[in-house]
């Protein structure tokens, strides 16, 4: 079975979409229902900063990969090895 490497981006994009929905919900709840003090604001800013840093780092590493490469899965797994029968 051979497939292009960019097929692995689809689960990653689905993960990012789910993560974005949960993050926006969490930020909304922190700001709307949290205590109105500096701690809530600092936690929200730290969460957004760390999230942005993780997204940037992820983008930086993902951008270096050649996504047109094809991956062969299970190639040669069901063939009889010939090196043992000399």
N, C-alpha and C. Protein backbone atom coordinates (compact mmCIF):
# COMPACT_ATOMS: atom_id res chain seq x y z
N UNK A 1 0.85 -1.17 0.00
CA UNK A 1 0.00 0.00 0.00
C UNK A 1 0.89 1.23 0.00
N UNK A 2 0.70 2.08 -0.98
CA UNK A 2 1.50 3.30 -1.11
C UNK A 2 0.55 4.50 -1.05
N UNK A 3 0.92 5.49 -0.25
CA UNK A 3 0.11 6.70 -0.16
C UNK A 3 1.03 7.90 0.00
N UNK A 4 0.57 9.07 -0.46
CA UNK A 4 1.39 10.28 -0.29
C UNK A 4 1.46 10.69 1.18
N UNK A 5 2.55 11.29 1.52
CA UNK A 5 2.81 11.66 2.91
C UNK A 5 1.83 12.72 3.42
N UNK A 6 1.29 13.53 2.52
CA UNK A 6 0.39 14.58 2.97
C UNK A 6 -0.93 14.03 3.52
N UNK A 7 -1.22 12.75 3.33
CA UNK A 7 -2.41 12.16 3.95
C UNK A 7 -2.32 12.20 5.48
N UNK A 8 -1.10 12.26 6.00
CA UNK A 8 -0.93 12.34 7.45
C UNK A 8 -1.28 13.73 8.00
N UNK A 9 -1.40 14.71 7.12
CA UNK A 9 -1.80 16.04 7.57
C UNK A 9 -3.28 16.12 7.90
N UNK A 10 -4.10 15.26 7.31
CA UNK A 10 -5.54 15.33 7.55
C UNK A 10 -5.91 15.06 9.00
N UNK A 11 -5.39 14.00 9.64
CA UNK A 11 -5.69 13.84 11.07
C UNK A 11 -5.15 14.99 11.92
N UNK A 12 -4.00 15.53 11.52
CA UNK A 12 -3.43 16.66 12.24
C UNK A 12 -4.34 17.89 12.13
N UNK A 13 -4.87 18.14 10.94
CA UNK A 13 -5.77 19.28 10.76
C UNK A 13 -7.08 19.09 11.52
N UNK A 14 -7.58 17.86 11.57
CA UNK A 14 -8.78 17.58 12.36
C UNK A 14 -8.49 17.83 13.84
N UNK A 15 -7.32 17.37 14.30
CA UNK A 15 -6.91 17.62 15.68
C UNK A 15 -6.85 19.12 15.96
N UNK A 16 -6.26 19.90 15.04
CA UNK A 16 -6.16 21.34 15.25
C UNK A 16 -7.54 22.00 15.29
N UNK A 17 -8.46 21.52 14.48
CA UNK A 17 -9.81 22.07 14.51
C UNK A 17 -10.51 21.81 15.83
N UNK A 18 -10.41 20.57 16.32
CA UNK A 18 -11.02 20.23 17.61
C UNK A 18 -10.35 21.01 18.74
N UNK A 19 -9.03 21.11 18.66
CA UNK A 19 -8.28 21.86 19.67
C UNK A 19 -8.68 23.33 19.67
N UNK A 20 -8.90 23.91 18.49
CA UNK A 20 -9.29 25.32 18.39
C UNK A 20 -10.67 25.54 19.01
N UNK A 21 -11.60 24.62 18.76
CA UNK A 21 -12.94 24.76 19.34
C UNK A 21 -12.86 24.68 20.86
N UNK A 22 -12.13 23.71 21.38
CA UNK A 22 -11.99 23.59 22.84
C UNK A 22 -11.27 24.79 23.44
N UNK A 23 -10.25 25.30 22.74
CA UNK A 23 -9.51 26.44 23.26
C UNK A 23 -10.37 27.69 23.29
N UNK A 24 -11.10 27.93 22.22
CA UNK A 24 -11.97 29.11 22.22
C UNK A 24 -13.05 29.02 23.29
N UNK A 25 -13.57 27.82 23.50
CA UNK A 25 -14.56 27.62 24.56
C UNK A 25 -13.93 27.86 25.93
N UNK A 26 -12.73 27.36 26.14
CA UNK A 26 -12.06 27.54 27.43
C UNK A 26 -11.74 29.01 27.68
N UNK A 27 -11.25 29.70 26.65
CA UNK A 27 -10.94 31.13 26.81
C UNK A 27 -12.22 31.92 27.11
N UNK A 28 -13.28 31.60 26.40
CA UNK A 28 -14.56 32.28 26.65
C UNK A 28 -15.01 32.07 28.10
N UNK A 29 -14.94 30.83 28.55
CA UNK A 29 -15.39 30.55 29.92
C UNK A 29 -14.48 31.19 30.96
N UNK A 30 -13.17 31.23 30.70
CA UNK A 30 -12.26 31.88 31.65
C UNK A 30 -12.57 33.37 31.76
N UNK A 31 -12.81 34.00 30.62
CA UNK A 31 -13.04 35.45 30.66
C UNK A 31 -14.46 35.80 31.10
N UNK A 32 -15.41 34.98 30.76
CA UNK A 32 -16.81 35.29 31.08
C UNK A 32 -17.18 34.92 32.52
N UNK A 33 -16.75 33.74 32.94
CA UNK A 33 -17.19 33.23 34.24
C UNK A 33 -16.09 33.18 35.30
N UNK A 34 -14.87 33.54 34.92
CA UNK A 34 -13.77 33.55 35.89
C UNK A 34 -13.85 34.76 36.80
N UNK A 35 -13.05 34.72 37.84
CA UNK A 35 -13.00 35.87 38.73
C UNK A 35 -12.44 37.06 37.96
N UNK A 36 -12.96 38.22 38.24
CA UNK A 36 -12.53 39.43 37.54
C UNK A 36 -11.30 40.02 38.25
N UNK A 37 -10.17 39.36 38.05
CA UNK A 37 -8.94 39.88 38.63
C UNK A 37 -7.77 39.61 37.68
N UNK A 38 -6.60 39.97 38.10
CA UNK A 38 -5.41 39.88 37.26
C UNK A 38 -5.00 38.42 36.99
N UNK A 39 -5.34 37.52 37.91
CA UNK A 39 -4.96 36.11 37.74
C UNK A 39 -5.64 35.50 36.52
N UNK A 40 -6.91 35.77 36.35
CA UNK A 40 -7.65 35.25 35.20
C UNK A 40 -7.06 35.79 33.91
N UNK A 41 -6.75 37.06 33.89
CA UNK A 41 -6.17 37.67 32.70
C UNK A 41 -4.78 37.10 32.41
N UNK A 42 -3.97 36.93 33.45
CA UNK A 42 -2.63 36.37 33.24
C UNK A 42 -2.67 34.92 32.75
N UNK A 43 -3.55 34.12 33.32
CA UNK A 43 -3.68 32.73 32.88
C UNK A 43 -4.14 32.68 31.43
N UNK A 44 -5.06 33.54 31.05
CA UNK A 44 -5.53 33.58 29.67
C UNK A 44 -4.41 34.00 28.73
N UNK A 45 -3.65 35.00 29.09
CA UNK A 45 -2.54 35.46 28.25
C UNK A 45 -1.46 34.39 28.14
N UNK A 46 -1.15 33.72 29.24
CA UNK A 46 -0.15 32.65 29.21
C UNK A 46 -0.63 31.50 28.33
N UNK A 47 -1.90 31.14 28.45
CA UNK A 47 -2.45 30.05 27.64
C UNK A 47 -2.38 30.39 26.15
N UNK A 48 -2.77 31.60 25.79
CA UNK A 48 -2.73 32.01 24.39
C UNK A 48 -1.29 32.08 23.90
N UNK A 49 -0.36 32.56 24.72
CA UNK A 49 1.04 32.66 24.33
C UNK A 49 1.66 31.29 24.09
N UNK A 50 1.43 30.37 25.00
CA UNK A 50 1.98 29.02 24.85
C UNK A 50 1.35 28.33 23.65
N UNK A 51 0.07 28.52 23.44
CA UNK A 51 -0.59 27.93 22.29
C UNK A 51 -0.03 28.48 20.98
N UNK A 52 0.17 29.78 20.92
CA UNK A 52 0.74 30.40 19.72
C UNK A 52 2.16 29.90 19.48
N UNK A 53 2.94 29.77 20.55
CA UNK A 53 4.30 29.26 20.40
C UNK A 53 4.30 27.81 19.89
N UNK A 54 3.40 26.98 20.41
CA UNK A 54 3.30 25.59 19.94
C UNK A 54 2.87 25.52 18.48
N UNK A 55 1.93 26.35 18.08
CA UNK A 55 1.50 26.37 16.69
C UNK A 55 2.62 26.84 15.77
N UNK A 56 3.36 27.85 16.18
CA UNK A 56 4.49 28.34 15.38
C UNK A 56 5.58 27.28 15.25
N UNK A 57 5.91 26.62 16.35
CA UNK A 57 6.93 25.58 16.32
C UNK A 57 6.49 24.41 15.46
N UNK A 58 5.24 24.03 15.58
CA UNK A 58 4.70 22.96 14.76
C UNK A 58 4.77 23.33 13.28
N UNK A 59 4.39 24.56 12.94
CA UNK A 59 4.44 25.02 11.56
C UNK A 59 5.87 25.01 11.03
N UNK A 60 6.81 25.45 11.88
CA UNK A 60 8.21 25.52 11.46
C UNK A 60 8.74 24.13 11.11
N UNK A 61 8.42 23.12 11.92
CA UNK A 61 8.89 21.77 11.65
C UNK A 61 8.14 21.10 10.50
N UNK A 62 6.84 21.33 10.42
CA UNK A 62 6.04 20.72 9.36
C UNK A 62 6.41 21.31 8.00
N UNK A 63 6.78 22.58 7.97
CA UNK A 63 7.12 23.25 6.72
C UNK A 63 8.40 22.69 6.10
N UNK A 64 9.25 22.03 6.85
CA UNK A 64 10.52 21.50 6.34
C UNK A 64 10.37 20.16 5.63
N UNK A 65 9.22 19.54 5.70
CA UNK A 65 9.02 18.20 5.16
C UNK A 65 8.53 18.28 3.73
N UNK A 66 9.05 17.41 2.87
CA UNK A 66 8.56 17.29 1.50
C UNK A 66 7.31 16.41 1.53
N UNK A 67 6.16 17.02 1.38
CA UNK A 67 4.90 16.29 1.53
C UNK A 67 4.49 15.53 0.28
N UNK A 68 5.26 15.64 -0.81
CA UNK A 68 4.95 14.89 -2.03
C UNK A 68 5.57 13.49 -2.01
N UNK A 69 6.34 13.19 -1.00
CA UNK A 69 6.96 11.87 -0.87
C UNK A 69 5.89 10.80 -0.66
N UNK A 70 6.11 9.65 -1.29
CA UNK A 70 5.17 8.54 -1.12
C UNK A 70 5.72 7.56 -0.09
N UNK A 71 4.84 7.05 0.73
CA UNK A 71 5.19 6.12 1.79
C UNK A 71 4.64 4.75 1.42
N UNK A 72 5.49 3.73 1.50
CA UNK A 72 5.00 2.37 1.26
C UNK A 72 4.82 1.69 2.61
N UNK A 73 3.63 1.20 2.81
CA UNK A 73 3.27 0.58 4.08
C UNK A 73 3.13 -0.91 3.86
N UNK A 74 3.71 -1.70 4.71
CA UNK A 74 3.66 -3.16 4.66
C UNK A 74 4.34 -3.73 3.42
N UNK A 75 5.29 -3.01 2.85
CA UNK A 75 5.99 -3.49 1.67
C UNK A 75 6.95 -4.60 2.07
N UNK A 76 6.82 -5.73 1.43
CA UNK A 76 7.70 -6.85 1.69
C UNK A 76 7.42 -7.59 2.98
N UNK A 77 6.36 -7.28 3.65
CA UNK A 77 6.07 -7.92 4.92
C UNK A 77 5.64 -9.37 4.75
N UNK A 78 4.99 -9.67 3.66
CA UNK A 78 4.47 -11.01 3.45
C UNK A 78 5.32 -11.84 2.49
N UNK A 79 6.50 -11.35 2.15
CA UNK A 79 7.40 -12.11 1.28
C UNK A 79 8.31 -12.99 2.14
N UNK A 80 8.67 -14.11 1.60
CA UNK A 80 9.56 -15.02 2.30
C UNK A 80 10.99 -14.49 2.20
N UNK A 81 11.70 -14.33 3.31
CA UNK A 81 13.08 -13.86 3.24
C UNK A 81 13.96 -14.92 2.60
N UNK A 82 14.77 -14.49 1.62
CA UNK A 82 15.61 -15.43 0.89
C UNK A 82 17.00 -15.58 1.48
N UNK A 83 17.39 -14.70 2.39
CA UNK A 83 18.74 -14.78 2.93
C UNK A 83 18.93 -15.99 3.83
N UNK A 84 17.88 -16.59 4.32
CA UNK A 84 18.00 -17.74 5.19
C UNK A 84 18.08 -19.06 4.41
N UNK A 85 17.79 -19.03 3.12
CA UNK A 85 17.74 -20.24 2.32
C UNK A 85 18.82 -20.25 1.25
N UNK A 86 20.08 -20.04 1.62
CA UNK A 86 21.18 -20.05 0.65
C UNK A 86 21.65 -21.43 0.36
